[in-house]
Amino acid sequence: YTDKEEVVLWMNTVGPYHNRQETYKYFSLPFCVGTKKTISHYHETLGEALQGVELEFSGLDIKFK
């Protein structure tokens, strides 16, 4: 990363540490919603495609340094 470059934070699911089967979508919890609506780029990885993982953009505006 370079100074002030966008850092994209991806979300998957959230749930209790001791019960991995109980999961919720990040945005179903009110404190997880970010204000930013779009990102400059997105590249699905091979791992995401093979595992069927649906990552969602966090909406958090994060800049490097």
N, C-alpha and C. Protein backbone atom coordinates (compact mmCIF):
# COMPACT_ATOMS: atom_id res chain seq x y z
N TYR A 1 0.83 -1.19 0.00
CA TYR A 1 0.00 0.00 0.00
C TYR A 1 0.87 1.25 0.00
N THR A 2 0.33 2.32 -0.55
CA THR A 2 0.99 3.62 -0.49
C THR A 2 0.17 4.52 0.42
N ASP A 3 0.75 5.64 0.82
CA ASP A 3 0.03 6.58 1.69
C ASP A 3 -1.32 6.97 1.10
N LYS A 4 -2.35 6.94 1.92
CA LYS A 4 -3.72 7.33 1.60
C LYS A 4 -4.39 6.45 0.55
N GLU A 5 -3.81 5.28 0.27
CA GLU A 5 -4.46 4.33 -0.65
C GLU A 5 -5.60 3.65 0.09
N GLU A 6 -6.67 3.34 -0.65
CA GLU A 6 -7.84 2.70 -0.06
C GLU A 6 -7.49 1.29 0.41
N VAL A 7 -7.90 0.97 1.64
CA VAL A 7 -7.77 -0.38 2.19
C VAL A 7 -9.18 -0.93 2.29
N VAL A 8 -9.44 -2.04 1.60
CA VAL A 8 -10.78 -2.61 1.56
C VAL A 8 -10.89 -3.70 2.62
N LEU A 9 -11.91 -3.59 3.46
CA LEU A 9 -12.17 -4.57 4.50
C LEU A 9 -13.39 -5.37 4.11
N TRP A 10 -13.25 -6.70 4.02
CA TRP A 10 -14.33 -7.59 3.62
C TRP A 10 -14.91 -8.29 4.83
N MET A 11 -16.20 -8.53 4.78
CA MET A 11 -16.91 -9.23 5.85
C MET A 11 -17.43 -10.56 5.34
N ASN A 12 -17.52 -11.53 6.22
CA ASN A 12 -18.10 -12.81 5.88
C ASN A 12 -19.30 -13.04 6.79
N THR A 13 -19.09 -13.63 7.93
CA THR A 13 -20.16 -13.83 8.91
C THR A 13 -19.61 -13.54 10.29
N VAL A 14 -20.50 -13.44 11.25
CA VAL A 14 -20.11 -13.23 12.64
C VAL A 14 -20.95 -14.17 13.49
N GLY A 15 -20.35 -14.62 14.58
CA GLY A 15 -21.08 -15.52 15.48
C GLY A 15 -20.30 -15.75 16.75
N PRO A 16 -20.88 -16.47 17.69
CA PRO A 16 -20.22 -16.76 18.95
C PRO A 16 -18.95 -17.59 18.74
N TYR A 17 -17.93 -17.31 19.48
CA TYR A 17 -16.66 -18.01 19.37
C TYR A 17 -16.81 -19.50 19.69
N HIS A 18 -17.61 -19.83 20.69
CA HIS A 18 -17.73 -21.22 21.14
C HIS A 18 -18.82 -22.01 20.42
N ASN A 19 -19.56 -21.40 19.50
CA ASN A 19 -20.58 -22.11 18.73
C ASN A 19 -20.45 -21.70 17.27
N ARG A 20 -19.59 -22.38 16.53
CA ARG A 20 -19.28 -22.02 15.15
C ARG A 20 -20.46 -22.21 14.19
N GLN A 21 -21.45 -22.99 14.60
CA GLN A 21 -22.60 -23.22 13.73
C GLN A 21 -23.61 -22.07 13.76
N GLU A 22 -23.57 -21.27 14.79
CA GLU A 22 -24.47 -20.11 14.90
C GLU A 22 -23.80 -18.91 14.25
N THR A 23 -24.25 -18.55 13.07
CA THR A 23 -23.65 -17.42 12.36
C THR A 23 -24.73 -16.44 11.91
N TYR A 24 -24.33 -15.20 11.74
CA TYR A 24 -25.22 -14.13 11.30
C TYR A 24 -24.50 -13.33 10.21
N LYS A 25 -25.25 -12.74 9.30
CA LYS A 25 -24.66 -11.83 8.34
C LYS A 25 -24.20 -10.59 9.09
N TYR A 26 -23.05 -10.03 8.69
CA TYR A 26 -22.51 -8.86 9.37
C TYR A 26 -23.51 -7.71 9.43
N PHE A 27 -24.21 -7.47 8.34
CA PHE A 27 -25.07 -6.30 8.30
C PHE A 27 -26.39 -6.50 9.02
N SER A 28 -26.63 -7.67 9.60
CA SER A 28 -27.82 -7.85 10.43
C SER A 28 -27.59 -7.26 11.82
N LEU A 29 -26.34 -6.93 12.13
CA LEU A 29 -26.00 -6.32 13.42
C LEU A 29 -25.81 -4.82 13.20
N PRO A 30 -26.48 -3.97 13.97
CA PRO A 30 -26.47 -2.53 13.71
C PRO A 30 -25.11 -1.86 13.86
N PHE A 31 -24.21 -2.40 14.64
CA PHE A 31 -22.92 -1.74 14.86
C PHE A 31 -21.89 -2.08 13.80
N CYS A 32 -22.24 -2.91 12.82
CA CYS A 32 -21.30 -3.32 11.78
C CYS A 32 -21.43 -2.53 10.48
N VAL A 33 -22.41 -1.67 10.37
CA VAL A 33 -22.68 -0.98 9.12
C VAL A 33 -21.74 0.20 8.94
N GLY A 34 -21.06 0.24 7.79
CA GLY A 34 -20.19 1.37 7.45
C GLY A 34 -20.95 2.38 6.62
N THR A 35 -20.34 3.54 6.37
CA THR A 35 -21.03 4.61 5.65
C THR A 35 -20.70 4.63 4.16
N LYS A 36 -19.61 4.02 3.77
CA LYS A 36 -19.19 4.05 2.37
C LYS A 36 -19.96 3.01 1.57
N LYS A 37 -20.43 3.37 0.38
CA LYS A 37 -21.30 2.49 -0.41
C LYS A 37 -20.58 1.73 -1.52
N THR A 38 -19.49 2.28 -2.07
CA THR A 38 -18.81 1.64 -3.19
C THR A 38 -17.31 1.53 -2.94
N ILE A 39 -16.66 0.67 -3.72
CA ILE A 39 -15.21 0.53 -3.64
C ILE A 39 -14.62 0.72 -5.02
N SER A 40 -13.32 0.94 -5.08
CA SER A 40 -12.68 1.19 -6.37
C SER A 40 -12.41 -0.08 -7.15
N HIS A 41 -12.29 -1.22 -6.45
CA HIS A 41 -11.99 -2.48 -7.15
C HIS A 41 -12.46 -3.67 -6.33
N TYR A 42 -12.69 -4.78 -7.02
CA TYR A 42 -13.01 -6.04 -6.35
C TYR A 42 -12.59 -7.19 -7.24
N HIS A 43 -11.81 -8.10 -6.72
CA HIS A 43 -11.37 -9.27 -7.45
C HIS A 43 -11.69 -10.49 -6.60
N GLU A 44 -12.59 -11.34 -7.09
CA GLU A 44 -12.89 -12.58 -6.37
C GLU A 44 -11.69 -13.51 -6.51
N THR A 45 -11.29 -14.12 -5.42
CA THR A 45 -10.15 -15.03 -5.46
C THR A 45 -10.62 -16.44 -5.81
N LEU A 46 -9.70 -17.29 -6.20
CA LEU A 46 -10.01 -18.67 -6.52
C LEU A 46 -10.55 -19.39 -5.28
N GLY A 47 -9.98 -19.09 -4.12
CA GLY A 47 -10.45 -19.70 -2.87
C GLY A 47 -11.90 -19.38 -2.58
N GLU A 48 -12.29 -18.12 -2.79
CA GLU A 48 -13.69 -17.72 -2.58
C GLU A 48 -14.61 -18.50 -3.51
N ALA A 49 -14.23 -18.61 -4.77
CA ALA A 49 -15.06 -19.30 -5.75
C ALA A 49 -15.20 -20.78 -5.41
N LEU A 50 -14.11 -21.43 -5.04
CA LEU A 50 -14.15 -22.87 -4.75
C LEU A 50 -14.89 -23.18 -3.46
N GLN A 51 -14.77 -22.32 -2.46
CA GLN A 51 -15.41 -22.55 -1.17
C GLN A 51 -16.84 -22.02 -1.12
N GLY A 52 -17.22 -21.24 -2.12
CA GLY A 52 -18.57 -20.68 -2.12
C GLY A 52 -18.76 -19.60 -1.08
N VAL A 53 -17.69 -18.91 -0.73
CA VAL A 53 -17.74 -17.86 0.28
C VAL A 53 -18.24 -16.57 -0.38
N GLU A 54 -19.21 -15.93 0.24
CA GLU A 54 -19.70 -14.65 -0.27
C GLU A 54 -19.22 -13.54 0.65
N LEU A 55 -18.17 -12.86 0.25
CA LEU A 55 -17.66 -11.75 1.04
C LEU A 55 -18.44 -10.50 0.67
N GLU A 56 -18.69 -9.65 1.67
CA GLU A 56 -19.40 -8.40 1.46
C GLU A 56 -18.49 -7.24 1.87
N PHE A 57 -18.57 -6.16 1.11
CA PHE A 57 -17.80 -4.96 1.43
C PHE A 57 -18.30 -4.37 2.74
N SER A 58 -17.39 -4.03 3.63
CA SER A 58 -17.75 -3.56 4.97
C SER A 58 -18.39 -2.18 4.98
N GLY A 59 -18.06 -1.36 4.01
CA GLY A 59 -18.58 0.00 4.02
C GLY A 59 -17.74 0.95 4.87
N LEU A 60 -16.66 0.44 5.43
CA LEU A 60 -15.79 1.28 6.26
C LEU A 60 -14.77 1.98 5.36
N ASP A 61 -14.62 3.28 5.55
CA ASP A 61 -13.69 4.08 4.76
C ASP A 61 -12.34 4.06 5.45
N ILE A 62 -11.42 3.23 4.94
CA ILE A 62 -10.11 3.05 5.58
C ILE A 62 -9.04 3.45 4.58
N LYS A 63 -8.13 4.29 5.00
CA LYS A 63 -6.99 4.71 4.19
C LYS A 63 -5.70 4.24 4.87
N PHE A 64 -4.72 3.84 4.07
CA PHE A 64 -3.44 3.38 4.62
C PHE A 64 -2.71 4.56 5.25
N LYS A 65 -2.25 4.40 6.47
CA LYS A 65 -1.58 5.41 7.28
C LYS A 65 -2.40 6.67 7.38
